Amino acid sequence: MLLLVGAWVPQTVETIRTKKCPLNFRFIIIYVTAATLLTVYSYIIHDWVFLTLNGLSALQSGINLLIKIRHE
């Protein structure tokens, strides 16, 4: 879990620092959507580990998406 969530940290930090997101727009949309849907599903089935994992992944990729939309 830490590796998956941790993989987003350097990209998110760089995106916040530079106000530029080099990731493909379609990739971010698909990733945010998938992570959000998996978060909802994890909540429905009461799987707190995957709720945390997918929630943090959705949050970090969502930050990248917002910066991509607002600053590019």
N, C-alpha and C. Protein backbone atom coordinates (compact mmCIF):
# COMPACT_ATOMS: atom_id res chain seq x y z
N MET A 1 0.82 -1.18 0.00
CA MET A 1 0.00 0.00 0.00
C MET A 1 0.87 1.25 0.00
N LEU A 2 1.89 1.24 0.83
CA LEU A 2 2.77 2.41 0.92
C LEU A 2 3.50 2.66 -0.40
N LEU A 3 3.87 1.60 -1.09
CA LEU A 3 4.56 1.78 -2.37
C LEU A 3 3.64 2.40 -3.43
N LEU A 4 2.41 1.95 -3.48
CA LEU A 4 1.48 2.50 -4.47
C LEU A 4 1.16 3.96 -4.19
N VAL A 5 0.87 4.27 -2.95
CA VAL A 5 0.57 5.66 -2.59
C VAL A 5 1.84 6.50 -2.68
N GLY A 6 2.95 5.94 -2.22
CA GLY A 6 4.22 6.66 -2.24
C GLY A 6 4.72 6.98 -3.63
N ALA A 7 4.31 6.18 -4.61
CA ALA A 7 4.74 6.42 -5.99
C ALA A 7 4.19 7.75 -6.52
N TRP A 8 3.06 8.18 -6.00
CA TRP A 8 2.46 9.44 -6.44
C TRP A 8 3.09 10.66 -5.76
N VAL A 9 3.72 10.46 -4.62
CA VAL A 9 4.22 11.60 -3.84
C VAL A 9 5.21 12.47 -4.62
N PRO A 10 6.27 11.92 -5.22
CA PRO A 10 7.21 12.79 -5.93
C PRO A 10 6.56 13.57 -7.07
N GLN A 11 5.66 12.92 -7.80
CA GLN A 11 4.98 13.61 -8.91
C GLN A 11 4.09 14.71 -8.39
N THR A 12 3.35 14.44 -7.33
CA THR A 12 2.45 15.44 -6.78
C THR A 12 3.21 16.63 -6.21
N VAL A 13 4.30 16.36 -5.51
CA VAL A 13 5.12 17.43 -4.95
C VAL A 13 5.69 18.30 -6.07
N GLU A 14 6.20 17.66 -7.12
CA GLU A 14 6.75 18.41 -8.26
C GLU A 14 5.67 19.24 -8.95
N THR A 15 4.50 18.65 -9.11
CA THR A 15 3.38 19.36 -9.74
C THR A 15 2.98 20.58 -8.93
N ILE A 16 2.89 20.44 -7.62
CA ILE A 16 2.52 21.57 -6.76
C ILE A 16 3.61 22.64 -6.81
N ARG A 17 4.86 22.22 -6.77
CA ARG A 17 5.99 23.16 -6.74
C ARG A 17 6.09 23.96 -8.05
N THR A 18 5.95 23.28 -9.18
CA THR A 18 6.14 23.93 -10.48
C THR A 18 4.84 24.47 -11.08
N LYS A 19 3.71 24.06 -10.54
CA LYS A 19 2.40 24.43 -11.08
C LYS A 19 2.23 23.94 -12.52
N LYS A 20 2.91 22.86 -12.85
CA LYS A 20 2.79 22.21 -14.16
C LYS A 20 2.70 20.70 -13.95
N CYS A 21 1.81 20.08 -14.69
CA CYS A 21 1.66 18.63 -14.61
C CYS A 21 1.97 18.02 -15.97
N PRO A 22 3.08 17.27 -16.07
CA PRO A 22 3.48 16.73 -17.36
C PRO A 22 2.71 15.47 -17.79
N LEU A 23 1.83 14.99 -16.93
CA LEU A 23 1.10 13.76 -17.24
C LEU A 23 0.05 13.99 -18.32
N ASN A 24 -0.22 12.94 -19.06
CA ASN A 24 -1.23 12.98 -20.12
C ASN A 24 -2.61 13.22 -19.50
N PHE A 25 -3.35 14.16 -20.05
CA PHE A 25 -4.66 14.54 -19.51
C PHE A 25 -5.61 13.34 -19.45
N ARG A 26 -5.67 12.55 -20.49
CA ARG A 26 -6.57 11.38 -20.52
C ARG A 26 -6.19 10.37 -19.44
N PHE A 27 -4.90 10.17 -19.26
CA PHE A 27 -4.43 9.25 -18.21
C PHE A 27 -4.92 9.71 -16.84
N ILE A 28 -4.77 11.00 -16.55
CA ILE A 28 -5.17 11.50 -15.24
C ILE A 28 -6.68 11.35 -15.04
N ILE A 29 -7.46 11.66 -16.05
CA ILE A 29 -8.92 11.53 -15.96
C ILE A 29 -9.31 10.09 -15.65
N ILE A 30 -8.73 9.16 -16.40
CA ILE A 30 -9.04 7.74 -16.20
C ILE A 30 -8.59 7.29 -14.81
N TYR A 31 -7.41 7.71 -14.38
CA TYR A 31 -6.87 7.29 -13.09
C TYR A 31 -7.71 7.84 -11.94
N VAL A 32 -8.05 9.12 -12.00
CA VAL A 32 -8.87 9.72 -10.94
C VAL A 32 -10.23 9.04 -10.87
N THR A 33 -10.84 8.81 -12.01
CA THR A 33 -12.14 8.15 -12.05
C THR A 33 -12.07 6.74 -11.47
N ALA A 34 -11.08 5.97 -11.90
CA ALA A 34 -10.93 4.60 -11.42
C ALA A 34 -10.65 4.55 -9.92
N ALA A 35 -9.75 5.39 -9.45
CA ALA A 35 -9.41 5.40 -8.02
C ALA A 35 -10.61 5.85 -7.18
N THR A 36 -11.37 6.80 -7.68
CA THR A 36 -12.56 7.26 -6.95
C THR A 36 -13.62 6.17 -6.89
N LEU A 37 -13.87 5.50 -8.00
CA LEU A 37 -14.84 4.40 -8.01
C LEU A 37 -14.40 3.25 -7.11
N LEU A 38 -13.11 2.95 -7.11
CA LEU A 38 -12.61 1.90 -6.22
C LEU A 38 -12.71 2.31 -4.75
N THR A 39 -12.56 3.60 -4.48
CA THR A 39 -12.74 4.10 -3.12
C THR A 39 -14.18 3.90 -2.66
N VAL A 40 -15.10 4.24 -3.52
CA VAL A 40 -16.53 4.05 -3.19
C VAL A 40 -16.83 2.57 -2.98
N TYR A 41 -16.34 1.74 -3.86
CA TYR A 41 -16.57 0.29 -3.73
C TYR A 41 -15.97 -0.24 -2.43
N SER A 42 -14.76 0.20 -2.09
CA SER A 42 -14.12 -0.23 -0.85
C SER A 42 -14.95 0.17 0.37
N TYR A 43 -15.56 1.35 0.31
CA TYR A 43 -16.43 1.80 1.40
C TYR A 43 -17.66 0.90 1.50
N ILE A 44 -18.25 0.58 0.36
CA ILE A 44 -19.46 -0.25 0.34
C ILE A 44 -19.20 -1.62 0.94
N ILE A 45 -18.03 -2.21 0.63
CA ILE A 45 -17.73 -3.55 1.15
C ILE A 45 -16.96 -3.50 2.48
N HIS A 46 -16.79 -2.30 3.02
CA HIS A 46 -16.12 -2.11 4.32
C HIS A 46 -14.68 -2.65 4.34
N ASP A 47 -13.96 -2.39 3.26
CA ASP A 47 -12.55 -2.79 3.19
C ASP A 47 -11.70 -1.55 3.44
N TRP A 48 -11.31 -1.35 4.69
CA TRP A 48 -10.67 -0.10 5.10
C TRP A 48 -9.26 0.06 4.56
N VAL A 49 -8.57 -1.04 4.32
CA VAL A 49 -7.22 -0.96 3.75
C VAL A 49 -7.30 -0.40 2.33
N PHE A 50 -8.17 -0.97 1.51
CA PHE A 50 -8.29 -0.49 0.13
C PHE A 50 -9.00 0.85 0.05
N LEU A 51 -9.85 1.15 1.01
CA LEU A 51 -10.45 2.48 1.07
C LEU A 51 -9.35 3.53 1.25
N THR A 52 -8.44 3.26 2.16
CA THR A 52 -7.33 4.18 2.40
C THR A 52 -6.43 4.28 1.18
N LEU A 53 -6.04 3.14 0.63
CA LEU A 53 -5.17 3.10 -0.55
C LEU A 53 -5.77 3.87 -1.71
N ASN A 54 -6.99 3.55 -2.07
CA ASN A 54 -7.62 4.19 -3.22
C ASN A 54 -7.99 5.64 -2.94
N GLY A 55 -8.35 5.94 -1.72
CA GLY A 55 -8.66 7.32 -1.37
C GLY A 55 -7.44 8.22 -1.50
N LEU A 56 -6.30 7.75 -0.99
CA LEU A 56 -5.07 8.54 -1.10
C LEU A 56 -4.60 8.65 -2.56
N SER A 57 -4.75 7.58 -3.31
CA SER A 57 -4.39 7.62 -4.74
C SER A 57 -5.30 8.59 -5.50
N ALA A 58 -6.59 8.56 -5.19
CA ALA A 58 -7.53 9.48 -5.85
C ALA A 58 -7.20 10.93 -5.47
N LEU A 59 -6.86 11.15 -4.22
CA LEU A 59 -6.53 12.50 -3.76
C LEU A 59 -5.30 13.04 -4.48
N GLN A 60 -4.23 12.26 -4.51
CA GLN A 60 -2.99 12.74 -5.13
C GLN A 60 -3.14 12.92 -6.64
N SER A 61 -3.79 11.98 -7.29
CA SER A 61 -3.98 12.14 -8.73
C SER A 61 -4.97 13.27 -9.01
N GLY A 62 -5.92 13.49 -8.10
CA GLY A 62 -6.86 14.60 -8.24
C GLY A 62 -6.16 15.95 -8.14
N ILE A 63 -5.17 16.05 -7.27
CA ILE A 63 -4.37 17.28 -7.16
C ILE A 63 -3.67 17.55 -8.49
N ASN A 64 -3.08 16.50 -9.07
CA ASN A 64 -2.42 16.65 -10.37
C ASN A 64 -3.41 17.10 -11.44
N LEU A 65 -4.60 16.53 -11.41
CA LEU A 65 -5.63 16.90 -12.38
C LEU A 65 -6.05 18.35 -12.22
N LEU A 66 -6.29 18.79 -11.00
CA LEU A 66 -6.70 20.18 -10.77
C LEU A 66 -5.63 21.17 -11.25
N ILE A 67 -4.39 20.87 -10.97
CA ILE A 67 -3.32 21.76 -11.41
C ILE A 67 -3.21 21.73 -12.93
N LYS A 68 -3.37 20.56 -13.52
CA LYS A 68 -3.34 20.46 -14.99
C LYS A 68 -4.44 21.32 -15.60
N ILE A 69 -5.63 21.30 -15.04
CA ILE A 69 -6.76 22.06 -15.57
C ILE A 69 -6.56 23.57 -15.34
N ARG A 70 -6.13 23.96 -14.16
CA ARG A 70 -6.06 25.37 -13.80
C ARG A 70 -4.85 26.11 -14.37
N HIS A 71 -3.73 25.43 -14.53
CA HIS A 71 -2.49 26.12 -14.88
C HIS A 71 -1.95 25.80 -16.27
N GLU A 72 -2.66 25.04 -17.05
CA GLU A 72 -2.14 24.75 -18.38
C GLU A 72 -3.15 25.03 -19.45
